[in-house]
C-alpha atoms as a PDB file:
ATOM      1  CA  MET A   1       7.005  -1.316 -11.923  1.00  0.00           C
ATOM      2  CA  ARG A   2       5.998  -5.053 -11.095  1.00  0.00           C
ATOM      3  CA  LEU A   3       7.516  -8.026 -13.894  1.00  0.00           C
ATOM      4  CA  SER A   4       5.378 -10.747 -14.510  1.00  0.00           C
ATOM      5  CA  GLY A   5       8.490 -13.574 -15.094  1.00  0.00           C
ATOM      6  CA  ILE A   6      11.390 -13.396 -17.989  1.00  0.00           C
ATOM      7  CA  CYS A   7       8.769 -14.779 -21.008  1.00  0.00           C
ATOM      8  CA  GLY A   8       6.178 -11.617 -20.459  1.00  0.00           C
ATOM      9  CA  VAL A   9       9.034  -8.677 -20.495  1.00  0.00           C
ATOM     10  CA  PHE A  10      10.959  -6.944 -23.028  1.00  0.00           C
ATOM     11  CA  ILE A  11      13.163  -3.990 -22.915  1.00  0.00           C
ATOM     12  CA  CYS A  12      11.792  -0.453 -24.397  1.00  0.00           C
ATOM     13  CA  ALA A  13      15.242   0.960 -25.474  1.00  0.00           C
ATOM     14  CA  ILE A  14      15.776   4.290 -24.120  1.00  0.00           C
ATOM     15  CA  PHE A  15      15.076   6.138 -27.440  1.00  0.00           C
ATOM     16  CA  ALA A  16      11.862   4.837 -28.524  1.00  0.00           C
ATOM     17  CA  CYS A  17      10.555   4.921 -24.614  1.00  0.00           C
ATOM     18  CA  GLY A  18      12.289   8.701 -23.189  1.00  0.00           C
ATOM     19  CA  HIS A  19      12.107   7.597 -20.125  1.00  0.00           C
ATOM     20  CA  SER A  20      15.559   7.529 -18.720  1.00  0.00           C
ATOM     21  CA  GLN A  21      19.369   6.738 -19.503  1.00  0.00           C
ATOM     22  CA  LYS A  22      19.146   3.315 -19.154  1.00  0.00           C
ATOM     23  CA  PRO A  23      16.554   0.949 -20.401  1.00  0.00           C
ATOM     24  CA  GLU A  24      13.296   0.084 -18.345  1.00  0.00           C
ATOM     25  CA  ILE A  25      11.985  -3.830 -18.837  1.00  0.00           C
ATOM     26  CA  ILE A  26       8.341  -3.405 -19.410  1.00  0.00           C
ATOM     27  CA  SER A  27       5.343  -6.101 -18.874  1.00  0.00           C
ATOM     28  CA  THR A  28       4.172  -7.446 -21.683  1.00  0.00           C
ATOM     29  CA  ASP A  29       0.881  -7.890 -20.308  1.00  0.00           C
ATOM     30  CA  LEU A  30       0.036  -5.234 -18.370  1.00  0.00           C
ATOM     31  CA  THR A  31      -3.900  -4.482 -19.233  1.00  0.00           C
ATOM     32  CA  PRO A  32      -5.377  -0.875 -19.326  1.00  0.00           C
ATOM     33  CA  LYS A  33      -6.621  -1.399 -16.196  1.00  0.00           C
ATOM     34  CA  THR A  34      -3.139  -2.676 -14.610  1.00  0.00           C
ATOM     35  CA  TYR A  35      -1.279   0.129 -15.993  1.00  0.00           C
ATOM     36  CA  GLU A  36      -3.812   2.582 -14.129  1.00  0.00           C
ATOM     37  CA  GLN A  37      -3.576   1.190 -10.935  1.00  0.00           C
ATOM     38  CA  GLU A  38       0.408   1.311 -10.888  1.00  0.00           C
ATOM     39  CA  HIS A  39      -0.077   4.906 -11.830  1.00  0.00           C
ATOM     40  CA  ILE A  40      -2.465   6.569  -9.252  1.00  0.00           C
ATOM     41  CA  THR A  41      -1.493   8.989  -7.629  1.00  0.00           C
ATOM     42  CA  GLU A  42      -4.959  10.325  -6.161  1.00  0.00           C
ATOM     43  CA  ILE A  43      -7.616   7.987  -4.900  1.00  0.00           C
ATOM     44  CA  LYS A  44     -11.367   7.998  -5.792  1.00  0.00           C
ATOM     45  CA  THR A  45     -13.109   7.150  -1.703  1.00  0.00           C
ATOM     46  CA  GLY A  46     -17.028   7.688  -3.612  1.00  0.00           C
ATOM     47  CA  LYS A  47     -18.711   7.387  -0.918  1.00  0.00           C
ATOM     48  CA  THR A  48     -16.568   4.593   1.736  1.00  0.00           C
ATOM     49  CA  THR A  49     -16.121   5.921   5.230  1.00  0.00           C
ATOM     50  CA  PRO A  50     -12.725   5.596   7.387  1.00  0.00           C
ATOM     51  CA  ASP A  51     -14.778   3.931   9.245  1.00  0.00           C
ATOM     52  CA  ASP A  52     -15.864   1.580   7.273  1.00  0.00           C
ATOM     53  CA  LEU A  53     -12.755   0.797   5.308  1.00  0.00           C
ATOM     54  CA  VAL A  54     -11.418   0.373   8.513  1.00  0.00           C
ATOM     55  CA  ASN A  55     -13.715  -1.530   9.647  1.00  0.00           C
ATOM     56  CA  PHE A  56     -13.550  -4.103   7.284  1.00  0.00           C
ATOM     57  CA  ALA A  57      -9.761  -4.691   6.860  1.00  0.00           C
ATOM     58  CA  CYS A  58      -9.797  -5.626  10.487  1.00  0.00           C
ATOM     59  CA  SER A  59     -12.209  -8.290   9.818  1.00  0.00           C
ATOM     60  CA  LEU A  60      -9.977  -9.772   7.825  1.00  0.00           C
ATOM     61  CA  GLN A  61      -7.191 -10.597  11.103  1.00  0.00           C
ATOM     62  CA  GLY A  62      -5.050 -13.561  11.036  1.00  0.00           C
ATOM     63  CA  ILE A  63      -5.706 -14.623   7.625  1.00  0.00           C
ATOM     64  CA  LYS A  64      -1.491 -16.021   6.793  1.00  0.00           C
ATOM     65  CA  TYR A  65       1.162 -13.008   5.003  1.00  0.00           C
ATOM     66  CA  LEU A  66       1.809 -14.750   0.916  1.00  0.00           C
ATOM     67  CA  TYR A  67       4.837 -12.728  -0.949  1.00  0.00           C
ATOM     68  CA  GLY A  68       3.076 -11.727  -4.000  1.00  0.00           C
ATOM     69  CA  SER A  69      -0.663 -12.247  -3.097  1.00  0.00           C
ATOM     70  CA  SER A  70      -4.212 -10.573  -2.510  1.00  0.00           C
ATOM     71  CA  ASP A  71      -6.241 -13.467  -2.303  1.00  0.00           C
ATOM     72  CA  PRO A  72      -7.801 -14.076   0.958  1.00  0.00           C
ATOM     73  CA  LYS A  73      -8.269 -17.459  -0.214  1.00  0.00           C
ATOM     74  CA  LYS A  74      -4.499 -17.623  -0.451  1.00  0.00           C
ATOM     75  CA  GLY A  75      -2.937 -15.158   1.698  1.00  0.00           C
ATOM     76  CA  PHE A  76      -2.028 -11.445   1.406  1.00  0.00           C
ATOM     77  CA  ASP A  77       1.384  -9.614   1.084  1.00  0.00           C
ATOM     78  CA  CYS A  78       0.972  -6.099   2.500  1.00  0.00           C
ATOM     79  CA  SER A  79       0.212  -4.503  -0.760  1.00  0.00           C
ATOM     80  CA  GLY A  80      -2.007  -7.293  -1.470  1.00  0.00           C
ATOM     81  CA  PHE A  81      -3.211  -6.770   1.691  1.00  0.00           C
ATOM     82  CA  VAL A  82      -4.515  -3.012   1.384  1.00  0.00           C
ATOM     83  CA  THR A  83      -6.034  -3.614  -2.578  1.00  0.00           C
ATOM     84  CA  TYR A  84      -7.908  -5.673  -1.526  1.00  0.00           C
ATOM     85  CA  VAL A  85      -8.982  -3.922   0.733  1.00  0.00           C
ATOM     86  CA  PHE A  86      -9.620  -0.924  -1.359  1.00  0.00           C
ATOM     87  CA  ASN A  87     -10.961  -3.339  -4.074  1.00  0.00           C
ATOM     88  CA  HIS A  88     -13.772  -4.127  -2.177  1.00  0.00           C
ATOM     89  CA  PHE A  89     -15.177  -0.341  -1.660  1.00  0.00           C
ATOM     90  CA  GLY A  90     -14.483  -0.146  -5.718  1.00  0.00           C
ATOM     91  CA  ILE A  91     -11.650   1.800  -5.237  1.00  0.00           C
ATOM     92  CA  ALA A  92      -8.717   1.603  -7.402  1.00  0.00           C
ATOM     93  CA  VAL A  93      -5.208   1.540  -5.675  1.00  0.00           C
ATOM     94  CA  PRO A  94      -1.687   1.578  -7.093  1.00  0.00           C
ATOM     95  CA  ARG A  95      -1.491  -2.469  -6.628  1.00  0.00           C
ATOM     96  CA  THR A  96       2.378  -2.618  -5.183  1.00  0.00           C
ATOM     97  CA  SER A  97       3.430  -0.907  -2.061  1.00  0.00           C
ATOM     98  CA  VAL A  98       6.114   1.384  -3.771  1.00  0.00           C
ATOM     99  CA  ASP A  99       3.802   2.542  -6.475  1.00  0.00           C
ATOM    100  CA  PHE A 100       1.850   3.836  -3.297  1.00  0.00           C
ATOM    101  CA  THR A 101       5.464   6.839  -3.018  1.00  0.00           C
ATOM    102  CA  PRO A 102       3.810   9.524  -5.445  1.00  0.00           C
ATOM    103  CA  VAL A 103       0.029   8.839  -4.254  1.00  0.00           C
ATOM    104  CA  GLN A 104      -1.103  11.844  -2.655  1.00  0.00           C
ATOM    105  CA  HIS A 105      -2.335  13.577   0.023  1.00  0.00           C
ATOM    106  CA  PRO A 106       1.109  12.940   2.209  1.00  0.00           C
ATOM    107  CA  ILE A 107       0.573  14.089   5.732  1.00  0.00           C
ATOM    108  CA  ASP A 108       2.782  15.021   9.116  1.00  0.00           C
ATOM    109  CA  ILE A 109       2.077  10.952  11.164  1.00  0.00           C
ATOM    110  CA  LYS A 110       0.747  13.363  13.926  1.00  0.00           C
ATOM    111  CA  GLU A 111      -1.908  14.044  12.776  1.00  0.00           C
ATOM    112  CA  ALA A 112      -2.962  10.590  10.720  1.00  0.00           C
ATOM    113  CA  LYS A 113      -6.361   9.304  11.922  1.00  0.00           C
ATOM    114  CA  ARG A 114      -8.191   5.890  10.527  1.00  0.00           C
ATOM    115  CA  GLY A 115      -7.654   4.813   6.714  1.00  0.00           C
ATOM    116  CA  ASP A 116      -4.896   7.070   6.350  1.00  0.00           C
ATOM    117  CA  LEU A 117      -2.015   4.804   5.050  1.00  0.00           C
ATOM    118  CA  ILE A 118       1.293   4.753   6.048  1.00  0.00           C
ATOM    119  CA  LEU A 119       4.107   3.999   3.966  1.00  0.00           C
ATOM    120  CA  PHE A 120       7.584   1.966   5.670  1.00  0.00           C
ATOM    121  CA  THR A 121      11.156   0.493   3.518  1.00  0.00           C
ATOM    122  CA  GLY A 122      11.444  -2.640   3.936  1.00  0.00           C
ATOM    123  CA  THR A 123      13.545  -4.929   6.063  1.00  0.00           C
ATOM    124  CA  ASP A 124      16.513  -2.392   5.260  1.00  0.00           C
ATOM    125  CA  SER A 125      15.520   0.578   6.778  1.00  0.00           C
ATOM    126  CA  THR A 126      18.959   2.011   5.439  1.00  0.00           C
ATOM    127  CA  ILE A 127      17.485   2.214   1.906  1.00  0.00           C
ATOM    128  CA  ARG A 128      14.686   4.724   1.944  1.00  0.00           C
ATOM    129  CA  VAL A 129      12.760   3.365  -0.462  1.00  0.00           C
ATOM    130  CA  VAL A 130       8.400   1.998   0.586  1.00  0.00           C
ATOM    131  CA  GLY A 131       8.655  -1.951   0.472  1.00  0.00           C
ATOM    132  CA  HIS A 132       6.180  -1.487   3.403  1.00  0.00           C
ATOM    133  CA  MET A 133       2.887  -0.650   4.058  1.00  0.00           C
ATOM    134  CA  GLY A 134      -0.911  -0.590   6.304  1.00  0.00           C
ATOM    135  CA  ILE A 135      -4.082   1.783   6.643  1.00  0.00           C
ATOM    136  CA  ILE A 136      -4.319   3.730  10.294  1.00  0.00           C
ATOM    137  CA  SER A 137      -7.157   1.914  12.399  1.00  0.00           C
ATOM    138  CA  SER A 138      -6.264   3.558  15.905  1.00  0.00           C
ATOM    139  CA  VAL A 139      -9.584   5.799  16.671  1.00  0.00           C
ATOM    140  CA  PRO A 140      -8.712   9.256  17.985  1.00  0.00           C
ATOM    141  CA  GLY A 141      -7.204   9.445  21.120  1.00  0.00           C
ATOM    142  CA  GLU A 142      -5.521   6.251  21.001  1.00  0.00           C
ATOM    143  CA  LYS A 143      -1.866   5.517  20.226  1.00  0.00           C
ATOM    144  CA  LEU A 144      -1.399   5.192  16.645  1.00  0.00           C
ATOM    145  CA  LYS A 145      -2.237   2.042  15.566  1.00  0.00           C
ATOM    146  CA  PHE A 146      -2.122   0.086  11.700  1.00  0.00           C
ATOM    147  CA  ILE A 147      -3.052  -2.889  10.394  1.00  0.00           C
ATOM    148  CA  HIS A 148      -1.128  -4.738   7.204  1.00  0.00           C
ATOM    149  CA  SER A 149      -0.078  -8.106   6.196  1.00  0.00           C
ATOM    150  CA  THR A 150       3.934  -8.858   7.540  1.00  0.00           C
ATOM    151  CA  SER A 151       5.322 -11.581   6.888  1.00  0.00           C
ATOM    152  CA  GLY A 152       7.124 -10.429  10.370  1.00  0.00           C
ATOM    153  CA  LYS A 153       6.622 -12.365  13.826  1.00  0.00           C
ATOM    154  CA  ALA A 154       2.864 -12.818  13.571  1.00  0.00           C
ATOM    155  CA  TRP A 155       2.953 -13.660   9.680  1.00  0.00           C
ATOM    156  CA  GLY A 156      -0.604 -12.619   8.399  1.00  0.00           C
ATOM    157  CA  VAL A 157      -3.175  -9.498   8.320  1.00  0.00           C
ATOM    158  CA  THR A 158      -2.114  -8.047  12.481  1.00  0.00           C
ATOM    159  CA  GLU A 159      -2.473  -4.890  14.013  1.00  0.00           C
ATOM    160  CA  THR A 160       0.521  -3.271  15.176  1.00  0.00           C
ATOM    161  CA  SER A 161       1.114   0.185  17.189  1.00  0.00           C
ATOM    162  CA  TYR A 162       2.901   2.129  15.607  1.00  0.00           C
ATOM    163  CA  TYR A 163       5.626   3.329  18.657  1.00  0.00           C
ATOM    164  CA  ASP A 164       5.774   0.646  20.103  1.00  0.00           C
ATOM    165  CA  SER A 165       7.457  -1.639  17.283  1.00  0.00           C
ATOM    166  CA  TYR A 166      10.329  -1.097  14.845  1.00  0.00           C
ATOM    167  CA  TYR A 167       8.336   0.363  12.070  1.00  0.00           C
ATOM    168  CA  SER A 168       8.853   3.738  13.308  1.00  0.00           C
ATOM    169  CA  THR A 169      12.595   3.478  12.642  1.00  0.00           C
ATOM    170  CA  ARG A 170      11.048   2.102   8.746  1.00  0.00           C
ATOM    171  CA  TYR A 171       8.598   5.218   8.178  1.00  0.00           C
ATOM    172  CA  VAL A 172       8.998   7.520   4.895  1.00  0.00           C
ATOM    173  CA  LYS A 173       5.249   8.891   5.275  1.00  0.00           C
ATOM    174  CA  THR A 174       1.015   8.823   5.638  1.00  0.00           C
ATOM    175  CA  ILE A 175      -0.974   9.240   2.935  1.00  0.00           C
ATOM    176  CA  ARG A 176      -4.666  10.756   3.153  1.00  0.00           C
ATOM    177  CA  ILE A 177      -7.160   9.325   1.447  1.00  0.00           C
ATOM    178  CA  PHE A 178     -10.221  10.846   2.656  1.00  0.00           C
ATOM    179  CA  LYS A 179     -12.014  13.735   2.268  1.00  0.00           C
ATOM    180  CA  GLN A 180     -13.548  13.489   6.061  1.00  0.00           C
ATOM    181  CA  ASN A 181     -10.281  12.621   7.475  1.00  0.00           C
ATOM    182  CA  ASP A 182      -9.535  16.758   6.708  1.00  0.00           C
ATOM    183  CA  GLU A 183     -12.715  17.743   8.320  1.00  0.00           C
ATOM    184  CA  LYS A 184     -11.868  19.043  12.713  1.00  0.00           C
END
């Protein structure tokens, strides 16, 4: 769960919330929309197509990286970029990369198609928690590529080949977002 800073959080005791053995830090500034976005397990794409989404995402290449941002005027972090792209089409998604972990429908990476999401660990691949993400951008018959905002060498929104990068060692899962991608 996102934290808004020391002044904007409170500790929720286990008996009051019943979530876990440890107290949970909960943000006091969670609006209903923010709470819903962080607890999304199914993404409803409406009439948006994978090509519409990926074409728009690709139009943002070159925007610089900025941790914690989903503002194209300032820059994007990885999930800020994904959030901005989906929100452009009125599609609600979680805001942080780790909040995409429970999103349905996981698929085998060999089945990945344009518009699917790809999740990775953070830079320490031994910690198997989602910390980076992107949108599959390759077309059928092409080597698997994804578009993402990286704090690495490219320092911003860029397209990366999955198999020609160290991201393959950080792979966690691929998520099918668009139902039309299930069609043969």
